[in-house]
């Protein structure tokens, strides 16, 4: 799998690139054939915290993990562990779906699941059962611009806000980023 590695407020040395490549190559064992899509790795240092973000777009799913710590190498290790858990979780979901539908089509190799211990499998089962909707909210969306949506979000004290964009007539989401700035999610 190919990765584009870039740094924000940090020079990405050859040693860091080699370490990232070595650690992310552990994920290859989970795939029958290496994915053709390109993964993205962003290394950054903000307020003394070393942040690693990895995004791997696959067919039907996007794997994404992020970690922050005082050490860049520890952050890389933690991100790879998170990605492995996501892959195992996705594989478990696929296998359940295959058993229910009676098909044999899968994206993730069997030998990756064999490496998973019984405890990890039980944790995956537990995590999947935790996706329970405990509350549903219904509300009328008043058309507003992005600035007003940000103000509304801050007034209610949430870190995201769903609204009807007055300019595009589409449902959008504004959210507060970890760096204190704001993001906007629009439909493609």
N, C-alpha and C. Protein backbone atom coordinates (compact mmCIF):
# COMPACT_ATOMS: atom_id res chain seq x y z
N UNK A 1 0.85 -1.17 0.00
CA UNK A 1 0.00 0.00 0.00
C UNK A 1 0.90 1.24 0.00
N UNK A 2 0.55 2.21 -0.80
CA UNK A 2 1.33 3.43 -0.90
C UNK A 2 0.74 4.50 0.02
N UNK A 3 1.63 5.27 0.65
CA UNK A 3 1.20 6.34 1.54
C UNK A 3 1.88 7.64 1.16
N UNK A 4 1.12 8.71 1.24
CA UNK A 4 1.69 10.05 1.10
C UNK A 4 1.89 10.57 2.51
N UNK A 5 3.14 10.87 2.84
CA UNK A 5 3.47 11.32 4.20
C UNK A 5 3.85 12.79 4.12
N UNK A 6 3.16 13.59 4.92
CA UNK A 6 3.48 15.01 4.93
C UNK A 6 3.54 15.51 6.37
N UNK A 7 4.23 16.61 6.56
CA UNK A 7 4.38 17.18 7.89
C UNK A 7 3.79 18.57 7.96
N UNK A 8 3.22 18.87 9.12
CA UNK A 8 2.73 20.21 9.40
C UNK A 8 3.52 20.73 10.59
N UNK A 9 4.24 21.80 10.39
CA UNK A 9 5.08 22.40 11.42
C UNK A 9 6.13 21.41 11.92
N UNK A 10 6.57 20.50 11.03
CA UNK A 10 7.61 19.54 11.37
C UNK A 10 8.26 19.08 10.07
N UNK A 11 9.57 18.91 10.12
CA UNK A 11 10.28 18.33 8.98
C UNK A 11 10.19 16.82 9.09
N UNK A 12 9.70 16.18 8.04
CA UNK A 12 9.57 14.72 8.04
C UNK A 12 10.91 14.15 7.56
N UNK A 13 11.65 13.59 8.50
CA UNK A 13 12.96 13.04 8.18
C UNK A 13 12.81 11.67 7.53
N UNK A 14 13.90 11.21 6.91
CA UNK A 14 13.89 9.88 6.32
C UNK A 14 13.64 8.81 7.38
N UNK A 15 14.18 9.03 8.58
CA UNK A 15 13.97 8.07 9.67
C UNK A 15 12.48 7.96 10.03
N UNK A 16 11.79 9.11 10.09
CA UNK A 16 10.35 9.10 10.37
C UNK A 16 9.58 8.41 9.26
N UNK A 17 9.93 8.72 8.00
CA UNK A 17 9.26 8.09 6.86
C UNK A 17 9.45 6.58 6.89
N UNK A 18 10.67 6.14 7.16
CA UNK A 18 10.95 4.70 7.21
C UNK A 18 10.16 4.04 8.34
N UNK A 19 10.08 4.71 9.48
CA UNK A 19 9.35 4.15 10.63
C UNK A 19 7.86 4.03 10.31
N UNK A 20 7.30 5.07 9.69
CA UNK A 20 5.88 5.05 9.31
C UNK A 20 5.63 3.93 8.32
N UNK A 21 6.47 3.83 7.29
CA UNK A 21 6.31 2.77 6.29
C UNK A 21 6.40 1.39 6.92
N UNK A 22 7.38 1.20 7.80
CA UNK A 22 7.57 -0.10 8.46
C UNK A 22 6.35 -0.47 9.29
N UNK A 23 5.85 0.48 10.07
CA UNK A 23 4.71 0.19 10.95
C UNK A 23 3.42 -0.03 10.15
N UNK A 24 3.19 0.80 9.12
CA UNK A 24 1.96 0.65 8.34
C UNK A 24 1.99 -0.59 7.44
N UNK A 25 3.17 -1.11 7.17
CA UNK A 25 3.25 -2.34 6.38
C UNK A 25 2.68 -3.53 7.15
N UNK A 26 2.54 -3.39 8.48
CA UNK A 26 1.88 -4.43 9.29
C UNK A 26 0.44 -4.65 8.84
N UNK A 27 -0.17 -3.64 8.26
CA UNK A 27 -1.57 -3.73 7.85
C UNK A 27 -1.75 -4.58 6.59
N UNK A 28 -0.67 -4.78 5.84
CA UNK A 28 -0.76 -5.54 4.59
C UNK A 28 -1.27 -6.96 4.81
N UNK A 29 -0.99 -7.53 5.97
CA UNK A 29 -1.41 -8.92 6.22
C UNK A 29 -2.93 -9.08 6.25
N UNK A 30 -3.65 -7.98 6.38
CA UNK A 30 -5.11 -8.06 6.46
C UNK A 30 -5.79 -8.05 5.09
N UNK A 31 -5.02 -7.84 4.03
CA UNK A 31 -5.61 -7.72 2.71
C UNK A 31 -5.13 -8.84 1.80
N UNK A 32 -6.07 -9.39 0.99
CA UNK A 32 -5.69 -10.39 -0.01
C UNK A 32 -4.74 -9.78 -1.02
N UNK A 33 -5.08 -8.63 -1.53
CA UNK A 33 -4.24 -7.88 -2.45
C UNK A 33 -4.12 -6.46 -1.90
N UNK A 34 -2.94 -5.86 -2.04
CA UNK A 34 -2.81 -4.50 -1.52
C UNK A 34 -3.82 -3.56 -2.16
N UNK A 35 -4.47 -2.72 -1.38
CA UNK A 35 -5.44 -1.78 -1.93
C UNK A 35 -4.77 -0.85 -2.95
N UNK A 36 -5.51 -0.52 -3.98
CA UNK A 36 -4.96 0.35 -5.03
C UNK A 36 -5.04 1.82 -4.65
N UNK A 37 -5.87 2.14 -3.67
CA UNK A 37 -5.99 3.53 -3.25
C UNK A 37 -4.77 3.94 -2.44
N UNK A 38 -4.52 5.23 -2.41
CA UNK A 38 -3.37 5.76 -1.70
C UNK A 38 -3.80 6.24 -0.32
N UNK A 39 -3.02 5.89 0.71
CA UNK A 39 -3.29 6.35 2.06
C UNK A 39 -2.57 7.66 2.32
N UNK A 40 -3.05 8.38 3.32
CA UNK A 40 -2.48 9.68 3.65
C UNK A 40 -2.07 9.70 5.12
N UNK A 41 -0.85 10.17 5.38
CA UNK A 41 -0.32 10.27 6.74
C UNK A 41 0.09 11.72 6.95
N UNK A 42 -0.40 12.31 8.03
CA UNK A 42 -0.02 13.67 8.38
C UNK A 42 0.61 13.65 9.76
N UNK A 43 1.83 14.15 9.84
CA UNK A 43 2.55 14.26 11.10
C UNK A 43 2.60 15.74 11.46
N UNK A 44 2.27 16.08 12.70
CA UNK A 44 2.31 17.48 13.10
C UNK A 44 2.67 17.60 14.57
N UNK A 45 3.14 18.78 14.92
CA UNK A 45 3.43 19.09 16.31
C UNK A 45 2.69 20.37 16.64
N UNK A 46 1.75 20.28 17.59
CA UNK A 46 0.97 21.43 18.01
C UNK A 46 1.03 21.51 19.53
N UNK A 47 1.52 22.62 20.02
CA UNK A 47 1.65 22.85 21.47
C UNK A 47 2.39 21.71 22.15
N UNK A 48 3.44 21.22 21.53
CA UNK A 48 4.26 20.17 22.14
C UNK A 48 3.71 18.77 22.00
N UNK A 49 2.51 18.63 21.44
CA UNK A 49 1.93 17.30 21.24
C UNK A 49 2.21 16.82 19.82
N UNK A 50 2.73 15.62 19.71
CA UNK A 50 3.04 15.02 18.42
C UNK A 50 1.80 14.27 17.94
N UNK A 51 1.23 14.73 16.83
CA UNK A 51 -0.01 14.18 16.31
C UNK A 51 0.25 13.42 15.02
N UNK A 52 -0.36 12.24 14.91
CA UNK A 52 -0.29 11.44 13.70
C UNK A 52 -1.71 11.15 13.26
N UNK A 53 -2.03 11.48 11.99
CA UNK A 53 -3.33 11.18 11.41
C UNK A 53 -3.10 10.30 10.20
N UNK A 54 -3.84 9.19 10.10
CA UNK A 54 -3.73 8.30 8.96
C UNK A 54 -5.13 8.09 8.39
N UNK A 55 -5.27 8.25 7.08
CA UNK A 55 -6.53 8.02 6.39
C UNK A 55 -6.27 7.04 5.24
N UNK A 56 -7.05 5.95 5.22
CA UNK A 56 -6.92 4.95 4.17
C UNK A 56 -8.30 4.76 3.53
N UNK A 57 -8.52 5.33 2.33
CA UNK A 57 -9.80 5.13 1.65
C UNK A 57 -9.84 3.75 0.98
N UNK A 58 -10.84 2.97 1.31
CA UNK A 58 -11.05 1.65 0.70
C UNK A 58 -12.43 1.62 0.07
N UNK A 59 -12.73 0.59 -0.66
CA UNK A 59 -14.05 0.44 -1.26
C UNK A 59 -15.08 0.25 -0.15
N UNK A 60 -16.01 1.15 -0.03
CA UNK A 60 -17.09 1.01 0.92
C UNK A 60 -16.78 1.47 2.34
N UNK A 61 -15.54 1.81 2.64
CA UNK A 61 -15.18 2.23 4.00
C UNK A 61 -13.92 3.10 3.94
N UNK A 62 -13.83 4.03 4.87
CA UNK A 62 -12.63 4.83 5.02
C UNK A 62 -12.08 4.55 6.42
N UNK A 63 -10.86 4.05 6.48
CA UNK A 63 -10.22 3.82 7.76
C UNK A 63 -9.49 5.10 8.14
N UNK A 64 -9.70 5.56 9.37
CA UNK A 64 -9.05 6.79 9.82
C UNK A 64 -8.73 6.66 11.28
N UNK A 65 -7.51 7.05 11.64
CA UNK A 65 -7.11 7.03 13.04
C UNK A 65 -6.21 8.23 13.30
N UNK A 66 -6.25 8.68 14.55
CA UNK A 66 -5.45 9.81 14.97
C UNK A 66 -4.99 9.57 16.39
N UNK A 67 -3.76 10.01 16.70
CA UNK A 67 -3.26 9.89 18.07
C UNK A 67 -2.34 11.05 18.37
N UNK A 68 -2.34 11.46 19.63
CA UNK A 68 -1.47 12.53 20.11
C UNK A 68 -0.74 12.04 21.35
N UNK A 69 0.54 12.35 21.41
CA UNK A 69 1.31 12.04 22.61
C UNK A 69 2.55 12.94 22.63
N UNK A 70 3.38 12.75 23.64
CA UNK A 70 4.60 13.54 23.76
C UNK A 70 5.71 13.03 22.84
N UNK A 71 5.53 11.86 22.24
CA UNK A 71 6.55 11.25 21.40
C UNK A 71 5.95 10.85 20.05
N UNK A 72 6.58 11.28 18.96
CA UNK A 72 6.06 11.00 17.62
C UNK A 72 6.02 9.50 17.34
N UNK A 73 7.05 8.77 17.76
CA UNK A 73 7.10 7.34 17.49
C UNK A 73 6.01 6.59 18.27
N UNK A 74 5.72 7.02 19.48
CA UNK A 74 4.63 6.42 20.26
C UNK A 74 3.28 6.70 19.59
N UNK A 75 3.12 7.89 19.04
CA UNK A 75 1.88 8.23 18.34
C UNK A 75 1.70 7.36 17.10
N UNK A 76 2.79 7.12 16.38
CA UNK A 76 2.72 6.26 15.19
C UNK A 76 2.30 4.85 15.59
N UNK A 77 2.90 4.32 16.66
CA UNK A 77 2.54 2.98 17.14
C UNK A 77 1.07 2.90 17.52
N UNK A 78 0.60 3.91 18.23
CA UNK A 78 -0.80 3.92 18.69
C UNK A 78 -1.77 3.99 17.51
N UNK A 79 -1.44 4.79 16.49
CA UNK A 79 -2.31 4.91 15.32
C UNK A 79 -2.40 3.58 14.59
N UNK A 80 -1.29 2.88 14.44
CA UNK A 80 -1.30 1.59 13.75
C UNK A 80 -2.15 0.59 14.54
N UNK A 81 -2.05 0.60 15.86
CA UNK A 81 -2.88 -0.28 16.68
C UNK A 81 -4.37 0.03 16.48
N UNK A 82 -4.71 1.32 16.44
CA UNK A 82 -6.11 1.71 16.23
C UNK A 82 -6.61 1.24 14.87
N UNK A 83 -5.77 1.38 13.84
CA UNK A 83 -6.16 0.94 12.50
C UNK A 83 -6.36 -0.57 12.46
N UNK A 84 -5.49 -1.33 13.14
CA UNK A 84 -5.66 -2.78 13.17
C UNK A 84 -6.98 -3.16 13.82
N UNK A 85 -7.34 -2.48 14.90
CA UNK A 85 -8.63 -2.75 15.55
C UNK A 85 -9.79 -2.45 14.60
N UNK A 86 -9.70 -1.33 13.87
CA UNK A 86 -10.76 -0.98 12.92
C UNK A 86 -10.88 -2.04 11.83
N UNK A 87 -9.75 -2.51 11.32
CA UNK A 87 -9.78 -3.52 10.26
C UNK A 87 -10.40 -4.81 10.77
N UNK A 88 -10.00 -5.24 11.96
CA UNK A 88 -10.58 -6.47 12.53
C UNK A 88 -12.08 -6.31 12.75
N UNK A 89 -12.48 -5.14 13.21
CA UNK A 89 -13.90 -4.87 13.45
C UNK A 89 -14.67 -4.91 12.13
N UNK A 90 -14.11 -4.29 11.10
CA UNK A 90 -14.75 -4.28 9.79
C UNK A 90 -14.83 -5.70 9.23
N UNK A 91 -13.78 -6.48 9.43
CA UNK A 91 -13.76 -7.86 8.95
C UNK A 91 -14.85 -8.68 9.64
N UNK A 92 -15.01 -8.47 10.93
CA UNK A 92 -16.05 -9.19 11.67
C UNK A 92 -17.43 -8.84 11.11
N UNK A 93 -17.67 -7.56 10.83
CA UNK A 93 -18.95 -7.15 10.25
C UNK A 93 -19.16 -7.80 8.89
N UNK A 94 -18.11 -7.79 8.06
CA UNK A 94 -18.22 -8.41 6.74
C UNK A 94 -18.53 -9.90 6.84
N UNK A 95 -17.84 -10.57 7.74
CA UNK A 95 -18.06 -12.01 7.89
C UNK A 95 -19.48 -12.31 8.37
N UNK A 96 -20.00 -11.48 9.26
CA UNK A 96 -21.39 -11.66 9.71
C UNK A 96 -22.35 -11.49 8.53
N UNK A 97 -22.10 -10.45 7.74
CA UNK A 97 -22.96 -10.18 6.60
C UNK A 97 -22.88 -11.33 5.59
N UNK A 98 -21.68 -11.84 5.38
CA UNK A 98 -21.50 -12.96 4.45
C UNK A 98 -22.26 -14.18 4.94
N UNK A 99 -22.17 -14.47 6.22
CA UNK A 99 -22.88 -15.63 6.77
C UNK A 99 -24.38 -15.46 6.65
N UNK A 100 -24.86 -14.24 6.88
CA UNK A 100 -26.30 -13.99 6.80
C UNK A 100 -26.80 -14.07 5.36
N UNK A 101 -25.98 -13.57 4.41
CA UNK A 101 -26.41 -13.54 3.02
C UNK A 101 -25.95 -14.77 2.24
N UNK A 102 -25.05 -15.57 2.82
CA UNK A 102 -24.61 -16.79 2.17
C UNK A 102 -23.58 -16.59 1.07
N UNK A 103 -22.98 -15.41 0.97
CA UNK A 103 -21.98 -15.15 -0.06
C UNK A 103 -20.57 -15.40 0.43
N UNK A 104 -19.59 -15.32 -0.46
CA UNK A 104 -18.20 -15.54 -0.09
C UNK A 104 -17.29 -14.38 -0.44
N UNK A 105 -17.84 -13.26 -0.83
CA UNK A 105 -17.02 -12.14 -1.27
C UNK A 105 -16.50 -11.39 -0.04
N UNK A 106 -15.17 -11.15 0.05
CA UNK A 106 -14.60 -10.41 1.16
C UNK A 106 -13.41 -9.59 0.72
N UNK A 107 -13.18 -8.50 1.41
CA UNK A 107 -12.06 -7.63 1.06
C UNK A 107 -10.83 -7.90 1.92
N UNK A 108 -11.03 -8.52 3.05
CA UNK A 108 -9.94 -8.65 4.02
C UNK A 108 -9.54 -10.10 4.14
N UNK A 109 -8.25 -10.39 4.18
CA UNK A 109 -7.74 -11.76 4.18
C UNK A 109 -8.05 -12.47 5.49
N UNK A 110 -8.19 -13.78 5.39
CA UNK A 110 -8.49 -14.60 6.56
C UNK A 110 -7.32 -14.63 7.54
N UNK A 111 -6.09 -14.63 7.05
CA UNK A 111 -4.96 -14.78 7.97
C UNK A 111 -4.86 -13.61 8.94
N UNK A 112 -5.40 -12.46 8.61
CA UNK A 112 -5.41 -11.33 9.55
C UNK A 112 -6.30 -11.61 10.73
N UNK A 113 -7.41 -12.29 10.50
CA UNK A 113 -8.32 -12.61 11.60
C UNK A 113 -7.73 -13.73 12.45
N UNK A 114 -6.95 -14.63 11.86
CA UNK A 114 -6.36 -15.72 12.63
C UNK A 114 -5.37 -15.18 13.65
N UNK A 115 -4.75 -14.06 13.33
CA UNK A 115 -3.79 -13.47 14.26
C UNK A 115 -4.48 -12.81 15.45
N UNK A 116 -5.76 -12.59 15.34
CA UNK A 116 -6.51 -11.96 16.40
C UNK A 116 -6.76 -12.95 17.54
N UNK A 117 -6.46 -12.52 18.74
CA UNK A 117 -6.68 -13.42 19.88
C UNK A 117 -8.16 -13.49 20.22
N UNK A 118 -8.52 -14.47 21.02
CA UNK A 118 -9.91 -14.63 21.43
C UNK A 118 -10.40 -13.39 22.17
N UNK A 119 -9.52 -12.79 22.96
CA UNK A 119 -9.89 -11.61 23.72
C UNK A 119 -10.22 -10.46 22.77
N UNK A 120 -9.42 -10.26 21.71
CA UNK A 120 -9.70 -9.21 20.75
C UNK A 120 -11.04 -9.45 20.06
N UNK A 121 -11.33 -10.70 19.72
CA UNK A 121 -12.59 -11.02 19.07
C UNK A 121 -13.77 -10.70 19.98
N UNK A 122 -13.62 -11.01 21.26
CA UNK A 122 -14.69 -10.69 22.20
C UNK A 122 -14.86 -9.19 22.33
N UNK A 123 -13.74 -8.44 22.32
CA UNK A 123 -13.81 -6.98 22.41
C UNK A 123 -14.51 -6.41 21.19
N UNK A 124 -14.24 -6.94 20.01
CA UNK A 124 -14.89 -6.48 18.79
C UNK A 124 -16.38 -6.73 18.88
N UNK A 125 -16.77 -7.93 19.34
CA UNK A 125 -18.19 -8.26 19.50
C UNK A 125 -18.84 -7.26 20.45
N UNK A 126 -18.18 -6.98 21.58
CA UNK A 126 -18.73 -6.06 22.57
C UNK A 126 -18.88 -4.67 21.98
N UNK A 127 -17.84 -4.18 21.26
CA UNK A 127 -17.89 -2.85 20.67
C UNK A 127 -19.05 -2.72 19.69
N UNK A 128 -19.28 -3.74 18.87
CA UNK A 128 -20.35 -3.66 17.89
C UNK A 128 -21.72 -3.61 18.55
N UNK A 129 -21.87 -4.29 19.67
CA UNK A 129 -23.15 -4.29 20.37
C UNK A 129 -23.40 -2.97 21.07
N UNK A 130 -22.38 -2.13 21.23
CA UNK A 130 -22.53 -0.85 21.90
C UNK A 130 -23.10 0.24 21.01
N UNK A 131 -23.37 -0.01 19.75
CA UNK A 131 -23.91 0.99 18.85
C UNK A 131 -25.42 1.06 19.00
N UNK A 132 -25.86 1.46 20.15
CA UNK A 132 -27.28 1.52 20.44
C UNK A 132 -27.72 2.98 20.48
N UNK A 133 -28.75 3.30 19.75
CA UNK A 133 -29.29 4.66 19.77
C UNK A 133 -30.12 4.80 21.04
N UNK A 134 -29.73 5.72 21.90
CA UNK A 134 -30.43 5.88 23.18
C UNK A 134 -31.30 7.13 23.20
N UNK A 135 -31.17 7.97 22.17
CA UNK A 135 -31.98 9.18 22.14
C UNK A 135 -32.13 9.64 20.71
N UNK A 136 -33.31 10.09 20.36
CA UNK A 136 -33.56 10.63 19.02
C UNK A 136 -34.12 12.04 19.19
N UNK A 137 -33.56 12.96 18.43
CA UNK A 137 -34.05 14.34 18.46
C UNK A 137 -34.64 14.68 17.11
N UNK A 138 -35.75 15.41 17.12
CA UNK A 138 -36.35 15.90 15.89
C UNK A 138 -36.47 17.41 16.03
N UNK A 139 -36.14 18.10 14.95
CA UNK A 139 -36.26 19.54 14.99
C UNK A 139 -36.45 20.07 13.58
N UNK A 140 -37.03 21.26 13.50
CA UNK A 140 -37.23 21.93 12.23
C UNK A 140 -35.96 22.71 11.92
N UNK A 141 -35.45 22.54 10.70
CA UNK A 141 -34.22 23.24 10.32
C UNK A 141 -34.57 24.54 9.64
N UNK A 142 -34.29 25.64 10.31
CA UNK A 142 -34.47 26.95 9.73
C UNK A 142 -33.30 27.22 8.80
N UNK A 143 -33.54 27.62 7.56
CA UNK A 143 -32.42 27.93 6.67
C UNK A 143 -31.56 29.05 7.25
N UNK A 144 -30.24 28.86 7.23
CA UNK A 144 -29.32 29.86 7.76
C UNK A 144 -27.99 29.76 7.03
N UNK A 145 -27.18 30.81 7.18
CA UNK A 145 -25.86 30.75 6.58
C UNK A 145 -24.88 30.10 7.56
N UNK A 146 -23.67 29.87 7.09
CA UNK A 146 -22.67 29.13 7.88
C UNK A 146 -22.33 29.87 9.18
N UNK A 147 -22.19 31.19 9.11
CA UNK A 147 -21.84 31.96 10.30
C UNK A 147 -22.91 31.84 11.39
N UNK A 148 -24.17 31.91 10.98
CA UNK A 148 -25.26 31.78 11.94
C UNK A 148 -25.28 30.37 12.55
N UNK A 149 -24.97 29.36 11.72
CA UNK A 149 -24.93 27.99 12.23
C UNK A 149 -23.83 27.84 13.28
N UNK A 150 -22.69 28.48 13.06
CA UNK A 150 -21.60 28.43 14.04
C UNK A 150 -22.03 29.10 15.34
N UNK A 151 -22.71 30.24 15.21
CA UNK A 151 -23.22 30.92 16.41
C UNK A 151 -24.21 30.05 17.16
N UNK A 152 -25.13 29.41 16.44
CA UNK A 152 -26.11 28.51 17.08
C UNK A 152 -25.40 27.35 17.78
N UNK A 153 -24.40 26.77 17.11
CA UNK A 153 -23.66 25.66 17.70
C UNK A 153 -23.00 26.09 19.01
N UNK A 154 -22.37 27.25 19.00
CA UNK A 154 -21.71 27.74 20.21
C UNK A 154 -22.71 28.06 21.31
N UNK A 155 -23.90 28.54 20.92
CA UNK A 155 -24.92 28.86 21.92
C UNK A 155 -25.41 27.60 22.64
N UNK A 156 -25.58 26.50 21.90
CA UNK A 156 -26.08 25.28 22.54
C UNK A 156 -24.95 24.47 23.19
N UNK A 157 -23.69 24.89 22.94
CA UNK A 157 -22.57 24.24 23.60
C UNK A 157 -22.17 22.89 23.01
N UNK A 158 -22.54 22.63 21.77
CA UNK A 158 -22.16 21.38 21.12
C UNK A 158 -20.90 21.59 20.29
N UNK A 159 -20.31 20.48 19.83
CA UNK A 159 -19.14 20.60 18.97
C UNK A 159 -19.49 20.39 17.50
N UNK A 160 -20.77 20.23 17.18
CA UNK A 160 -21.24 20.17 15.80
C UNK A 160 -22.67 20.69 15.75
N UNK A 161 -23.11 21.06 14.52
CA UNK A 161 -24.46 21.58 14.37
C UNK A 161 -24.94 21.27 12.95
N UNK A 162 -26.10 20.64 12.84
CA UNK A 162 -26.70 20.31 11.55
C UNK A 162 -27.67 21.43 11.18
N UNK A 163 -27.58 21.91 9.93
CA UNK A 163 -28.44 23.01 9.53
C UNK A 163 -28.73 22.95 8.04
N UNK A 164 -29.75 23.69 7.63
CA UNK A 164 -30.10 23.82 6.22
C UNK A 164 -29.41 25.08 5.71
N UNK A 165 -28.48 24.90 4.77
CA UNK A 165 -27.69 26.02 4.25
C UNK A 165 -28.55 26.87 3.33
N UNK A 166 -28.69 28.13 3.67
CA UNK A 166 -29.55 29.04 2.90
C UNK A 166 -28.99 29.29 1.51
N UNK A 167 -27.67 29.17 1.34
CA UNK A 167 -27.04 29.44 0.04
C UNK A 167 -27.19 28.27 -0.92
N UNK A 168 -27.08 27.04 -0.41
CA UNK A 168 -27.08 25.86 -1.30
C UNK A 168 -28.37 25.06 -1.22
N UNK A 169 -29.24 25.36 -0.27
CA UNK A 169 -30.49 24.62 -0.05
C UNK A 169 -30.22 23.16 0.32
N UNK A 170 -29.06 22.86 0.86
CA UNK A 170 -28.66 21.50 1.25
C UNK A 170 -28.50 21.45 2.77
N UNK A 171 -28.56 20.22 3.30
CA UNK A 171 -28.28 20.01 4.71
C UNK A 171 -26.76 19.93 4.87
N UNK A 172 -26.20 20.74 5.76
CA UNK A 172 -24.77 20.78 6.04
C UNK A 172 -24.53 20.59 7.52
N UNK A 173 -23.27 20.38 7.86
CA UNK A 173 -22.85 20.26 9.25
C UNK A 173 -21.64 21.16 9.47
N UNK A 174 -21.70 21.99 10.50
CA UNK A 174 -20.51 22.71 10.94
C UNK A 174 -20.01 22.02 12.19
N UNK A 175 -18.70 22.03 12.39
CA UNK A 175 -18.14 21.39 13.58
C UNK A 175 -16.92 22.16 14.05
N UNK A 176 -16.62 21.99 15.32
CA UNK A 176 -15.45 22.64 15.91
C UNK A 176 -14.29 21.68 15.84
N UNK A 177 -13.18 22.13 15.27
CA UNK A 177 -11.99 21.31 15.11
C UNK A 177 -11.15 21.36 16.38
N UNK A 178 -10.24 20.40 16.51
CA UNK A 178 -9.36 20.35 17.68
C UNK A 178 -8.46 21.57 17.77
N UNK A 179 -8.16 22.20 16.64
CA UNK A 179 -7.29 23.38 16.65
C UNK A 179 -8.06 24.67 16.98
N UNK A 180 -9.37 24.53 17.30
CA UNK A 180 -10.17 25.69 17.69
C UNK A 180 -10.87 26.37 16.52
N UNK A 181 -10.57 25.95 15.30
CA UNK A 181 -11.21 26.53 14.13
C UNK A 181 -12.47 25.71 13.80
N UNK A 182 -13.13 26.05 12.71
CA UNK A 182 -14.39 25.40 12.37
C UNK A 182 -14.28 24.69 11.02
N UNK A 183 -15.06 23.64 10.86
CA UNK A 183 -15.13 22.90 9.61
C UNK A 183 -16.55 22.84 9.13
N UNK A 184 -16.72 22.63 7.83
CA UNK A 184 -18.04 22.53 7.21
C UNK A 184 -18.09 21.25 6.41
N UNK A 185 -19.13 20.47 6.60
CA UNK A 185 -19.34 19.24 5.83
C UNK A 185 -20.50 19.47 4.90
N UNK A 186 -20.22 19.29 3.60
CA UNK A 186 -21.23 19.43 2.56
C UNK A 186 -21.38 18.13 1.83
N UNK A 187 -22.56 17.91 1.26
CA UNK A 187 -22.81 16.70 0.47
C UNK A 187 -22.08 16.83 -0.86
N UNK A 188 -21.57 15.71 -1.35
CA UNK A 188 -20.83 15.69 -2.61
C UNK A 188 -21.75 15.76 -3.79
